[in-house]
Full PDB file with SEQRES, HELIX, SHEET, SSBOND, CRYST1, ORIGX, SCALE, CONECT and MASTER records, all heavy atoms in Angstrom:
SEQRES   1 A   34  GLN LEU ALA GLN ALA LEU GLY ASP GLN ASP ALA GLN VAL          
SEQRES   2 A   34  TRP PHE GLN SER ILE THR ALA ILE GLY LYS MET GLY PRO          
SEQRES   3 A   34  ALA ALA ILE GLY ALA ALA LYS GLN                              
HELIX    1 AA1 LEU A    2  ALA A    5  1                                   4    
HELIX    2 AA2 ALA A   11  MET A   24  1                                  14    
HELIX    3 AA3 GLY A   25  ALA A   31  5                                   7    
CRYST1    1.000    1.000    1.000  90.00  90.00  90.00 P 1           1          
ORIGX1      1.000000  0.000000  0.000000        0.00000                         
ORIGX2      0.000000  1.000000  0.000000        0.00000                         
ORIGX3      0.000000  0.000000  1.000000        0.00000                         
SCALE1      1.000000  0.000000  0.000000        0.00000                         
SCALE2      0.000000  1.000000  0.000000        0.00000                         
SCALE3      0.000000  0.000000  1.000000        0.00000                         
ATOM      1  N   GLN A   1    -137.468-149.663-215.839  1.00  0.00           N  
ATOM      2  CA  GLN A   1    -137.592-150.764-216.781  1.00  0.00           C  
ATOM      3  C   GLN A   1    -138.840-151.596-216.500  1.00  0.00           C  
ATOM      4  O   GLN A   1    -139.495-152.074-217.426  1.00  0.00           O  
ATOM      5  CB  GLN A   1    -136.345-151.651-216.736  1.00  0.00           C  
ATOM      6  CG  GLN A   1    -135.107-150.979-217.259  1.00  0.00           C  
ATOM      7  CD  GLN A   1    -134.372-150.150-216.204  1.00  0.00           C  
ATOM      8  OE1 GLN A   1    -134.856-149.920-215.100  1.00  0.00           O  
ATOM      9  NE2 GLN A   1    -133.182-149.689-216.558  1.00  0.00           N  
ATOM     10  N   LEU A   2    -139.173-151.762-215.235  1.00  0.00           N  
ATOM     11  CA  LEU A   2    -140.390-152.495-214.878  1.00  0.00           C  
ATOM     12  C   LEU A   2    -141.630-151.744-215.348  1.00  0.00           C  
ATOM     13  O   LEU A   2    -142.580-152.347-215.842  1.00  0.00           O  
ATOM     14  CB  LEU A   2    -140.456-152.738-213.365  1.00  0.00           C  
ATOM     15  CG  LEU A   2    -139.508-153.812-212.844  1.00  0.00           C  
ATOM     16  CD1 LEU A   2    -139.351-153.703-211.335  1.00  0.00           C  
ATOM     17  CD2 LEU A   2    -140.002-155.197-213.242  1.00  0.00           C  
ATOM     18  N   ALA A   3    -141.617-150.425-215.207  1.00  0.00           N  
ATOM     19  CA  ALA A   3    -142.747-149.624-215.671  1.00  0.00           C  
ATOM     20  C   ALA A   3    -142.888-149.736-217.195  1.00  0.00           C  
ATOM     21  O   ALA A   3    -144.004-149.838-217.712  1.00  0.00           O  
ATOM     22  CB  ALA A   3    -142.572-148.167-215.248  1.00  0.00           C  
ATOM     23  N   GLN A   4    -141.770-149.756-217.904  1.00  0.00           N  
ATOM     24  CA  GLN A   4    -141.823-149.911-219.354  1.00  0.00           C  
ATOM     25  C   GLN A   4    -142.292-151.315-219.741  1.00  0.00           C  
ATOM     26  O   GLN A   4    -142.977-151.494-220.748  1.00  0.00           O  
ATOM     27  CB  GLN A   4    -140.449-149.636-219.970  1.00  0.00           C  
ATOM     28  CG  GLN A   4    -140.056-148.177-219.895  1.00  0.00           C  
ATOM     29  CD  GLN A   4    -138.625-147.943-220.359  1.00  0.00           C  
ATOM     30  OE1 GLN A   4    -137.902-148.864-220.695  1.00  0.00           O  
ATOM     31  NE2 GLN A   4    -138.221-146.673-220.343  1.00  0.00           N  
ATOM     32  N   ALA A   5    -141.940-152.306-218.923  1.00  0.00           N  
ATOM     33  CA  ALA A   5    -142.336-153.690-219.210  1.00  0.00           C  
ATOM     34  C   ALA A   5    -143.836-153.901-219.058  1.00  0.00           C  
ATOM     35  O   ALA A   5    -144.370-154.910-219.517  1.00  0.00           O  
ATOM     36  CB  ALA A   5    -141.574-154.655-218.302  1.00  0.00           C  
ATOM     37  N   LEU A   6    -144.534-152.938-218.470  1.00  0.00           N  
ATOM     38  CA  LEU A   6    -145.993-153.036-218.375  1.00  0.00           C  
ATOM     39  C   LEU A   6    -146.631-152.959-219.762  1.00  0.00           C  
ATOM     40  O   LEU A   6    -147.781-153.336-219.935  1.00  0.00           O  
ATOM     41  CB  LEU A   6    -146.556-151.939-217.468  1.00  0.00           C  
ATOM     42  CG  LEU A   6    -146.149-152.039-215.994  1.00  0.00           C  
ATOM     43  CD1 LEU A   6    -146.697-150.845-215.223  1.00  0.00           C  
ATOM     44  CD2 LEU A   6    -146.606-153.344-215.379  1.00  0.00           C  
ATOM     45  N   GLY A   7    -145.883-152.492-220.732  1.00  0.00           N  
ATOM     46  CA  GLY A   7    -146.364-152.445-222.111  1.00  0.00           C  
ATOM     47  C   GLY A   7    -146.041-153.708-222.903  1.00  0.00           C  
ATOM     48  O   GLY A   7    -146.374-153.802-224.083  1.00  0.00           O  
ATOM     49  N   ASP A   8    -145.405-154.678-222.260  1.00  0.00           N  
ATOM     50  CA  ASP A   8    -145.048-155.924-222.944  1.00  0.00           C  
ATOM     51  C   ASP A   8    -146.311-156.683-223.334  1.00  0.00           C  
ATOM     52  O   ASP A   8    -147.290-156.717-222.597  1.00  0.00           O  
ATOM     53  CB  ASP A   8    -144.186-156.793-222.016  1.00  0.00           C  
ATOM     54  CG  ASP A   8    -143.411-157.861-222.761  1.00  0.00           C  
ATOM     55  OD1 ASP A   8    -144.029-158.823-223.260  1.00  0.00           O  
ATOM     56  OD2 ASP A   8    -142.187-157.724-222.842  1.00  0.00           O  
ATOM     57  N   GLN A   9    -146.287-157.285-224.516  1.00  0.00           N  
ATOM     58  CA  GLN A   9    -147.439-158.033-225.018  1.00  0.00           C  
ATOM     59  C   GLN A   9    -147.629-159.373-224.300  1.00  0.00           C  
ATOM     60  O   GLN A   9    -148.713-159.949-224.346  1.00  0.00           O  
ATOM     61  CB  GLN A   9    -147.298-158.272-226.526  1.00  0.00           C  
ATOM     62  CG  GLN A   9    -147.329-156.996-227.332  1.00  0.00           C  
ATOM     63  CD  GLN A   9    -148.638-156.243-227.170  1.00  0.00           C  
ATOM     64  OE1 GLN A   9    -149.705-156.830-227.284  1.00  0.00           O  
ATOM     65  NE2 GLN A   9    -148.554-154.956-226.890  1.00  0.00           N  
ATOM     66  N   ASP A  10    -146.580-159.865-223.652  1.00  0.00           N  
ATOM     67  CA  ASP A  10    -146.667-161.153-222.960  1.00  0.00           C  
ATOM     68  C   ASP A  10    -147.294-160.972-221.577  1.00  0.00           C  
ATOM     69  O   ASP A  10    -146.856-160.133-220.787  1.00  0.00           O  
ATOM     70  CB  ASP A  10    -145.276-161.771-222.816  1.00  0.00           C  
ATOM     71  CG  ASP A  10    -145.326-163.151-222.199  1.00  0.00           C  
ATOM     72  OD1 ASP A  10    -145.852-164.071-222.855  1.00  0.00           O  
ATOM     73  OD2 ASP A  10    -144.866-163.297-221.048  1.00  0.00           O  
ATOM     74  N   ALA A  11    -148.305-161.754-221.293  1.00  0.00           N  
ATOM     75  CA  ALA A  11    -149.035-161.642-220.030  1.00  0.00           C  
ATOM     76  C   ALA A  11    -148.163-161.961-218.819  1.00  0.00           C  
ATOM     77  O   ALA A  11    -148.315-161.335-217.764  1.00  0.00           O  
ATOM     78  CB  ALA A  11    -150.265-162.552-220.042  1.00  0.00           C  
ATOM     79  N   GLN A  12    -147.239-162.902-218.957  1.00  0.00           N  
ATOM     80  CA  GLN A  12    -146.389-163.264-217.824  1.00  0.00           C  
ATOM     81  C   GLN A  12    -145.413-162.148-217.484  1.00  0.00           C  
ATOM     82  O   GLN A  12    -145.181-161.856-216.305  1.00  0.00           O  
ATOM     83  CB  GLN A  12    -145.638-164.563-218.121  1.00  0.00           C  
ATOM     84  CG  GLN A  12    -146.545-165.777-218.151  1.00  0.00           C  
ATOM     85  CD  GLN A  12    -145.774-167.049-218.426  1.00  0.00           C  
ATOM     86  OE1 GLN A  12    -144.625-167.184-218.013  1.00  0.00           O  
ATOM     87  NE2 GLN A  12    -146.389-167.973-219.135  1.00  0.00           N  
ATOM     88  N   VAL A  13    -144.841-161.536-218.509  1.00  0.00           N  
ATOM     89  CA  VAL A  13    -143.924-160.420-218.270  1.00  0.00           C  
ATOM     90  C   VAL A  13    -144.690-159.274-217.617  1.00  0.00           C  
ATOM     91  O   VAL A  13    -144.227-158.676-216.644  1.00  0.00           O  
ATOM     92  CB  VAL A  13    -143.248-159.956-219.586  1.00  0.00           C  
ATOM     93  CG1 VAL A  13    -142.428-158.695-219.359  1.00  0.00           C  
ATOM     94  CG2 VAL A  13    -142.388-161.074-220.152  1.00  0.00           C  
ATOM     95  N   TRP A  14    -145.870-158.976-218.152  1.00  0.00           N  
ATOM     96  CA  TRP A  14    -146.691-157.901-217.587  1.00  0.00           C  
ATOM     97  C   TRP A  14    -147.032-158.193-216.130  1.00  0.00           C  
ATOM     98  O   TRP A  14    -146.856-157.346-215.256  1.00  0.00           O  
ATOM     99  CB  TRP A  14    -147.978-157.734-218.393  1.00  0.00           C  
ATOM    100  CG  TRP A  14    -148.885-156.702-217.807  1.00  0.00           C  
ATOM    101  CD1 TRP A  14    -148.857-155.369-218.053  1.00  0.00           C  
ATOM    102  CD2 TRP A  14    -149.930-156.906-216.850  1.00  0.00           C  
ATOM    103  NE1 TRP A  14    -149.826-154.724-217.318  1.00  0.00           N  
ATOM    104  CE2 TRP A  14    -150.492-155.661-216.558  1.00  0.00           C  
ATOM    105  CE3 TRP A  14    -150.440-158.029-216.209  1.00  0.00           C  
ATOM    106  CZ2 TRP A  14    -151.540-155.496-215.662  1.00  0.00           C  
ATOM    107  CZ3 TRP A  14    -151.476-157.867-215.304  1.00  0.00           C  
ATOM    108  CH2 TRP A  14    -152.014-156.610-215.045  1.00  0.00           C  
ATOM    109  N   PHE A  15    -147.516-159.398-215.852  1.00  0.00           N  
ATOM    110  CA  PHE A  15    -147.950-159.743-214.498  1.00  0.00           C  
ATOM    111  C   PHE A  15    -146.795-159.699-213.503  1.00  0.00           C  
ATOM    112  O   PHE A  15    -146.935-159.147-212.406  1.00  0.00           O  
ATOM    113  CB  PHE A  15    -148.602-161.134-214.478  1.00  0.00           C  
ATOM    114  CG  PHE A  15    -149.087-161.519-213.112  1.00  0.00           C  
ATOM    115  CD1 PHE A  15    -150.273-161.016-212.620  1.00  0.00           C  
ATOM    116  CD2 PHE A  15    -148.343-162.365-212.306  1.00  0.00           C  
ATOM    117  CE1 PHE A  15    -150.717-161.348-211.350  1.00  0.00           C  
ATOM    118  CE2 PHE A  15    -148.778-162.703-211.037  1.00  0.00           C  
ATOM    119  CZ  PHE A  15    -149.971-162.201-210.554  1.00  0.00           C  
ATOM    120  N   GLN A  16    -145.666-160.261-213.870  1.00  0.00           N  
ATOM    121  CA  GLN A  16    -144.524-160.261-212.949  1.00  0.00           C  
ATOM    122  C   GLN A  16    -143.966-158.851-212.761  1.00  0.00           C  
ATOM    123  O   GLN A  16    -143.504-158.507-211.675  1.00  0.00           O  
ATOM    124  CB  GLN A  16    -143.437-161.224-213.436  1.00  0.00           C  
ATOM    125  CG  GLN A  16    -143.851-162.674-213.380  1.00  0.00           C  
ATOM    126  CD  GLN A  16    -144.277-163.116-211.992  1.00  0.00           C  
ATOM    127  OE1 GLN A  16    -143.716-162.715-210.978  1.00  0.00           O  
ATOM    128  NE2 GLN A  16    -145.292-163.963-211.933  1.00  0.00           N  
ATOM    129  N   SER A  17    -144.047-158.034-213.790  1.00  0.00           N  
ATOM    130  CA  SER A  17    -143.579-156.648-213.666  1.00  0.00           C  
ATOM    131  C   SER A  17    -144.470-155.859-212.712  1.00  0.00           C  
ATOM    132  O   SER A  17    -143.982-155.124-211.854  1.00  0.00           O  
ATOM    133  CB  SER A  17    -143.541-155.966-215.037  1.00  0.00           C  
ATOM    134  OG  SER A  17    -142.620-156.612-215.874  1.00  0.00           O  
ATOM    135  N   ILE A  18    -145.764-156.038-212.841  1.00  0.00           N  
ATOM    136  CA  ILE A  18    -146.662-155.308-211.941  1.00  0.00           C  
ATOM    137  C   ILE A  18    -146.576-155.860-210.521  1.00  0.00           C  
ATOM    138  O   ILE A  18    -146.696-155.121-209.544  1.00  0.00           O  
ATOM    139  CB  ILE A  18    -148.111-155.283-212.474  1.00  0.00           C  
ATOM    140  CG1 ILE A  18    -148.870-154.130-211.810  1.00  0.00           C  
ATOM    141  CG2 ILE A  18    -148.843-156.565-212.232  1.00  0.00           C  
ATOM    142  CD1 ILE A  18    -149.785-153.409-212.712  1.00  0.00           C  
ATOM    143  N   THR A  19    -146.296-157.148-210.409  1.00  0.00           N  
ATOM    144  CA  THR A  19    -146.085-157.754-209.094  1.00  0.00           C  
ATOM    145  C   THR A  19    -144.832-157.174-208.446  1.00  0.00           C  
ATOM    146  O   THR A  19    -144.831-156.839-207.256  1.00  0.00           O  
ATOM    147  CB  THR A  19    -145.973-159.283-209.213  1.00  0.00           C  
ATOM    148  OG1 THR A  19    -147.188-159.792-209.765  1.00  0.00           O  
ATOM    149  CG2 THR A  19    -145.713-159.929-207.869  1.00  0.00           C  
ATOM    150  N   ALA A  20    -143.758-157.050-209.233  1.00  0.00           N  
ATOM    151  CA  ALA A  20    -142.513-156.480-208.707  1.00  0.00           C  
ATOM    152  C   ALA A  20    -142.731-155.053-208.225  1.00  0.00           C  
ATOM    153  O   ALA A  20    -142.277-154.670-207.142  1.00  0.00           O  
ATOM    154  CB  ALA A  20    -141.427-156.519-209.785  1.00  0.00           C  
ATOM    155  N   ILE A  21    -143.458-154.271-209.002  1.00  0.00           N  
ATOM    156  CA  ILE A  21    -143.738-152.885-208.615  1.00  0.00           C  
ATOM    157  C   ILE A  21    -144.586-152.858-207.344  1.00  0.00           C  
ATOM    158  O   ILE A  21    -144.326-152.082-206.430  1.00  0.00           O  
ATOM    159  CB  ILE A  21    -144.421-152.124-209.767  1.00  0.00           C  
ATOM    160  CG1 ILE A  21    -143.432-151.952-210.925  1.00  0.00           C  
ATOM    161  CG2 ILE A  21    -144.950-150.774-209.305  1.00  0.00           C  
ATOM    162  CD1 ILE A  21    -144.051-151.439-212.201  1.00  0.00           C  
ATOM    163  N   GLY A  22    -145.573-153.728-207.268  1.00  0.00           N  
ATOM    164  CA  GLY A  22    -146.425-153.791-206.079  1.00  0.00           C  
ATOM    165  C   GLY A  22    -145.662-154.161-204.828  1.00  0.00           C  
ATOM    166  O   GLY A  22    -145.928-153.650-203.738  1.00  0.00           O  
ATOM    167  N   LYS A  23    -144.676-155.041-204.949  1.00  0.00           N  
ATOM    168  CA  LYS A  23    -143.891-155.471-203.788  1.00  0.00           C  
ATOM    169  C   LYS A  23    -142.960-154.383-203.279  1.00  0.00           C  
ATOM    170  O   LYS A  23    -142.453-154.473-202.176  1.00  0.00           O  
ATOM    171  CB  LYS A  23    -143.084-156.724-204.131  1.00  0.00           C  
ATOM    172  CG  LYS A  23    -143.922-157.976-204.214  1.00  0.00           C  
ATOM    173  CD  LYS A  23    -143.040-159.186-204.478  1.00  0.00           C  
ATOM    174  CE  LYS A  23    -143.826-160.468-204.452  1.00  0.00           C  
ATOM    175  NZ  LYS A  23    -142.948-161.638-204.684  1.00  0.00           N  
ATOM    176  N   MET A  24    -142.745-153.346-204.088  1.00  0.00           N  
ATOM    177  CA  MET A  24    -141.889-152.239-203.658  1.00  0.00           C  
ATOM    178  C   MET A  24    -142.618-151.306-202.702  1.00  0.00           C  
ATOM    179  O   MET A  24    -142.001-150.540-201.988  1.00  0.00           O  
ATOM    180  CB  MET A  24    -141.394-151.454-204.870  1.00  0.00           C  
ATOM    181  CG  MET A  24    -140.429-152.207-205.701  1.00  0.00           C  
ATOM    182  SD  MET A  24    -139.976-151.220-207.133  1.00  0.00           S  
ATOM    183  CE  MET A  24    -139.390-152.502-208.210  1.00  0.00           C  
ATOM    184  N   GLY A  25    -143.930-151.358-202.734  1.00  0.00           N  
ATOM    185  CA  GLY A  25    -144.719-150.528-201.840  1.00  0.00           C  
ATOM    186  C   GLY A  25    -144.625-149.056-202.198  1.00  0.00           C  
ATOM    187  O   GLY A  25    -144.483-148.695-203.367  1.00  0.00           O  
ATOM    188  N   PRO A  26    -144.675-148.191-201.187  1.00  0.00           N  
ATOM    189  CA  PRO A  26    -144.685-146.745-201.429  1.00  0.00           C  
ATOM    190  C   PRO A  26    -143.460-146.223-202.175  1.00  0.00           C  
ATOM    191  O   PRO A  26    -143.517-145.175-202.803  1.00  0.00           O  
ATOM    192  CB  PRO A  26    -144.732-146.143-200.019  1.00  0.00           C  
ATOM    193  CG  PRO A  26    -145.256-147.224-199.155  1.00  0.00           C  
ATOM    194  CD  PRO A  26    -144.827-148.517-199.779  1.00  0.00           C  
ATOM    195  N   ALA A  27    -142.372-146.961-202.151  1.00  0.00           N  
ATOM    196  CA  ALA A  27    -141.165-146.525-202.854  1.00  0.00           C  
ATOM    197  C   ALA A  27    -141.380-146.481-204.365  1.00  0.00           C  
ATOM    198  O   ALA A  27    -140.651-145.804-205.082  1.00  0.00           O  
ATOM    199  CB  ALA A  27    -140.000-147.453-202.522  1.00  0.00           C  
ATOM    200  N   ALA A  28    -142.397-147.172-204.849  1.00  0.00           N  
ATOM    201  CA  ALA A  28    -142.663-147.247-206.293  1.00  0.00           C  
ATOM    202  C   ALA A  28    -143.661-146.203-206.759  1.00  0.00           C  
ATOM    203  O   ALA A  28    -144.200-146.311-207.854  1.00  0.00           O  
ATOM    204  CB  ALA A  28    -143.149-148.644-206.648  1.00  0.00           C  
ATOM    205  N   ILE A  29    -143.888-145.185-205.980  1.00  0.00           N  
ATOM    206  CA  ILE A  29    -144.901-144.186-206.313  1.00  0.00           C  
ATOM    207  C   ILE A  29    -144.588-143.501-207.655  1.00  0.00           C  
ATOM    208  O   ILE A  29    -145.505-143.094-208.366  1.00  0.00           O  
ATOM    209  CB  ILE A  29    -145.058-143.148-205.185  1.00  0.00           C  
ATOM    210  CG1 ILE A  29    -146.334-142.352-205.351  1.00  0.00           C  
ATOM    211  CG2 ILE A  29    -143.858-142.220-205.112  1.00  0.00           C  
ATOM    212  CD1 ILE A  29    -147.576-143.128-205.087  1.00  0.00           C  
ATOM    213  N   GLY A  30    -143.331-143.453-208.035  1.00  0.00           N  
ATOM    214  CA  GLY A  30    -142.941-142.829-209.297  1.00  0.00           C  
ATOM    215  C   GLY A  30    -143.492-143.558-210.517  1.00  0.00           C  
ATOM    216  O   GLY A  30    -143.626-142.982-211.588  1.00  0.00           O  
ATOM    217  N   ALA A  31    -143.839-144.822-210.356  1.00  0.00           N  
ATOM    218  CA  ALA A  31    -144.366-145.609-211.473  1.00  0.00           C  
ATOM    219  C   ALA A  31    -145.881-145.649-211.473  1.00  0.00           C  
ATOM    220  O   ALA A  31    -146.485-146.349-212.269  1.00  0.00           O  
ATOM    221  CB  ALA A  31    -143.813-147.025-211.403  1.00  0.00           C  
ATOM    222  N   ALA A  32    -146.494-144.863-210.624  1.00  0.00           N  
ATOM    223  CA  ALA A  32    -147.950-144.902-210.478  1.00  0.00           C  
ATOM    224  C   ALA A  32    -148.692-144.606-211.780  1.00  0.00           C  
ATOM    225  O   ALA A  32    -149.684-145.262-212.093  1.00  0.00           O  
ATOM    226  CB  ALA A  32    -148.402-143.939-209.382  1.00  0.00           C  
ATOM    227  N   LYS A  33    -148.220-143.638-212.554  1.00  0.00           N  
ATOM    228  CA  LYS A  33    -148.887-143.278-213.812  1.00  0.00           C  
ATOM    229  C   LYS A  33    -148.884-144.458-214.785  1.00  0.00           C  
ATOM    230  O   LYS A  33    -149.893-144.741-215.423  1.00  0.00           O  
ATOM    231  CB  LYS A  33    -148.222-142.069-214.455  1.00  0.00           C  
ATOM    232  CG  LYS A  33    -148.502-140.780-213.727  1.00  0.00           C  
ATOM    233  CD  LYS A  33    -147.849-139.615-214.430  1.00  0.00           C  
ATOM    234  CE  LYS A  33    -148.085-138.342-213.646  1.00  0.00           C  
ATOM    235  NZ  LYS A  33    -147.390-137.197-214.249  1.00  0.00           N  
ATOM    236  N   GLN A  34    -147.741-145.136-214.900  1.00  0.00           N  
ATOM    237  CA  GLN A  34    -147.669-146.270-215.813  1.00  0.00           C  
ATOM    238  C   GLN A  34    -148.548-147.433-215.328  1.00  0.00           C  
ATOM    239  O   GLN A  34    -149.166-148.108-216.133  1.00  0.00           O  
ATOM    240  CB  GLN A  34    -146.214-146.769-215.953  1.00  0.00           C  
ATOM    241  CG  GLN A  34    -145.326-145.814-216.706  1.00  0.00           C  
ATOM    242  CD  GLN A  34    -144.564-144.887-215.778  1.00  0.00           C  
ATOM    243  OE1 GLN A  34    -145.000-144.554-214.681  1.00  0.00           O  
ATOM    244  NE2 GLN A  34    -143.397-144.446-216.221  1.00  0.00           N  
TER     245      GLN A  34                                                      
MASTER        0    0    0    3    0    0    0    6  244    1    0    3          
END                                                                             
C-alpha cells in the first residue's frame, strides 16, 4: 500500500510514504521498482 501511495497526487502522502519505506531499510527491497 505504501508503494502504491507513491502515486498519490498529494505531496505529504507521497513524502511520508517514501519515508516509511526508507525507514524499513533492506526489508523494503520489494518496493524498489516503485
